[in-house]
């Protein structure tokens, strides 16, 4: 795994927007 792509994600607990190095579930 060489791709360091960041994906926008929203924490389901706190509702804060963040970026994760993996593809979040829709």
PDB file of N, CA and C in Angstrom:
ATOM      1  N   UNK A   1       0.847  -1.202   0.000  1.00  0.00           N
ATOM      2  CA  UNK A   1       0.000   0.000   0.000  1.00  0.00           C
ATOM      3  C   UNK A   1       0.879   1.247   0.000  1.00  0.00           C
ATOM      4  N   UNK A   2       0.995   1.855  -1.173  1.00  0.00           N
ATOM      5  CA  UNK A   2       1.882   3.004  -1.272  1.00  0.00           C
ATOM      6  C   UNK A   2       1.096   4.308  -1.381  1.00  0.00           C
ATOM      7  N   UNK A   3      -0.220   4.190  -1.540  1.00  0.00           N
ATOM      8  CA  UNK A   3      -0.997   5.424  -1.692  1.00  0.00           C
ATOM      9  C   UNK A   3      -1.297   6.029  -0.331  1.00  0.00           C
ATOM     10  N   UNK A   4      -0.990   7.322  -0.224  1.00  0.00           N
ATOM     11  CA  UNK A   4      -1.214   8.022   1.044  1.00  0.00           C
ATOM     12  C   UNK A   4      -2.378   9.003   0.888  1.00  0.00           C
ATOM     13  N   UNK A   5      -3.382   8.587   0.137  1.00  0.00           N
ATOM     14  CA  UNK A   5      -4.499   9.474  -0.127  1.00  0.00           C
ATOM     15  C   UNK A   5      -5.298   9.716   1.148  1.00  0.00           C
ATOM     16  N   UNK A   6      -5.699  10.963   1.326  1.00  0.00           N
ATOM     17  CA  UNK A   6      -6.510  11.285   2.494  1.00  0.00           C
ATOM     18  C   UNK A   6      -7.953  11.478   2.058  1.00  0.00           C
ATOM     19  N   UNK A   7      -8.849  10.919   2.824  1.00  0.00           N
ATOM     20  CA  UNK A   7     -10.270  11.033   2.506  1.00  0.00           C
ATOM     21  C   UNK A   7     -10.987  11.771   3.626  1.00  0.00           C
ATOM     22  N   UNK A   8     -11.946  12.603   3.213  1.00  0.00           N
ATOM     23  CA  UNK A   8     -12.731  13.336   4.206  1.00  0.00           C
ATOM     24  C   UNK A   8     -13.677  12.377   4.903  1.00  0.00           C
ATOM     25  N   UNK A   9     -13.726  12.475   6.205  1.00  0.00           N
ATOM     26  CA  UNK A   9     -14.623  11.608   6.961  1.00  0.00           C
ATOM     27  C   UNK A   9     -15.196  12.396   8.132  1.00  0.00           C
ATOM     28  N   UNK A  10     -16.368  11.986   8.573  1.00  0.00           N
ATOM     29  CA  UNK A  10     -16.998  12.641   9.716  1.00  0.00           C
ATOM     30  C   UNK A  10     -17.145  11.638  10.845  1.00  0.00           C
ATOM     31  N   UNK A  11     -16.654  12.009  12.003  1.00  0.00           N
ATOM     32  CA  UNK A  11     -16.730  11.114  13.151  1.00  0.00           C
ATOM     33  C   UNK A  11     -18.187  10.861  13.514  1.00  0.00           C
ATOM     34  N   UNK A  12     -18.548   9.592  13.585  1.00  0.00           N
ATOM     35  CA  UNK A  12     -19.943   9.244  13.878  1.00  0.00           C
ATOM     36  C   UNK A  12     -20.284   9.498  15.342  1.00  0.00           C
ATOM     37  N   UNK A  13     -19.266   9.693  16.173  1.00  0.00           N
ATOM     38  CA  UNK A  13     -19.514   9.904  17.604  1.00  0.00           C
ATOM     39  C   UNK A  13     -19.586  11.393  17.944  1.00  0.00           C
ATOM     40  N   UNK A  14     -18.604  12.161  17.442  1.00  0.00           N
ATOM     41  CA  UNK A  14     -18.561  13.572  17.815  1.00  0.00           C
ATOM     42  C   UNK A  14     -19.037  14.475  16.679  1.00  0.00           C
ATOM     43  N   UNK A  15     -19.115  13.919  15.461  1.00  0.00           N
ATOM     44  CA  UNK A  15     -19.610  14.704  14.339  1.00  0.00           C
ATOM     45  C   UNK A  15     -18.565  15.661  13.783  1.00  0.00           C
ATOM     46  N   UNK A  16     -17.321  15.518  14.230  1.00  0.00           N
ATOM     47  CA  UNK A  16     -16.259  16.375  13.740  1.00  0.00           C
ATOM     48  C   UNK A  16     -15.749  15.860  12.399  1.00  0.00           C
ATOM     49  N   UNK A  17     -15.387  16.806  11.500  1.00  0.00           N
ATOM     50  CA  UNK A  17     -14.856  16.399  10.210  1.00  0.00           C
ATOM     51  C   UNK A  17     -13.355  16.174  10.346  1.00  0.00           C
ATOM     52  N   UNK A  18     -12.863  15.113   9.702  1.00  0.00           N
ATOM     53  CA  UNK A  18     -11.445  14.808   9.800  1.00  0.00           C
ATOM     54  C   UNK A  18     -10.985  14.173   8.499  1.00  0.00           C
ATOM     55  N   UNK A  19      -9.703  13.845   8.433  1.00  0.00           N
ATOM     56  CA  UNK A  19      -9.168  13.192   7.244  1.00  0.00           C
ATOM     57  C   UNK A  19      -8.511  11.887   7.652  1.00  0.00           C
ATOM     58  N   UNK A  20      -8.839  10.837   6.906  1.00  0.00           N
ATOM     59  CA  UNK A  20      -8.288   9.526   7.231  1.00  0.00           C
ATOM     60  C   UNK A  20      -7.537   8.985   6.030  1.00  0.00           C
ATOM     61  N   UNK A  21      -6.453   8.233   6.273  1.00  0.00           N
ATOM     62  CA  UNK A  21      -5.622   7.685   5.200  1.00  0.00           C
ATOM     63  C   UNK A  21      -6.241   6.473   4.524  1.00  0.00           C
ATOM     64  N   UNK A  22      -7.496   6.163   4.836  1.00  0.00           N
ATOM     65  CA  UNK A  22      -8.146   5.022   4.190  1.00  0.00           C
ATOM     66  C   UNK A  22      -9.530   5.456   3.713  1.00  0.00           C
ATOM     67  N   UNK A  23     -10.121   4.650   2.841  1.00  0.00           N
ATOM     68  CA  UNK A  23     -11.432   5.009   2.309  1.00  0.00           C
ATOM     69  C   UNK A  23     -12.503   4.652   3.333  1.00  0.00           C
ATOM     70  N   UNK A  24     -13.196   5.653   3.834  1.00  0.00           N
ATOM     71  CA  UNK A  24     -14.237   5.417   4.830  1.00  0.00           C
ATOM     72  C   UNK A  24     -15.466   4.762   4.220  1.00  0.00           C
ATOM     73  N   UNK A  25     -16.194   4.015   5.037  1.00  0.00           N
ATOM     74  CA  UNK A  25     -17.425   3.389   4.565  1.00  0.00           C
ATOM     75  C   UNK A  25     -18.484   4.467   4.343  1.00  0.00           C
ATOM     76  N   UNK A  26     -19.259   4.360   3.285  1.00  0.00           N
ATOM     77  CA  UNK A  26     -20.287   5.353   2.972  1.00  0.00           C
ATOM     78  C   UNK A  26     -21.387   5.390   4.033  1.00  0.00           C
TER      79      UNK A  26
END
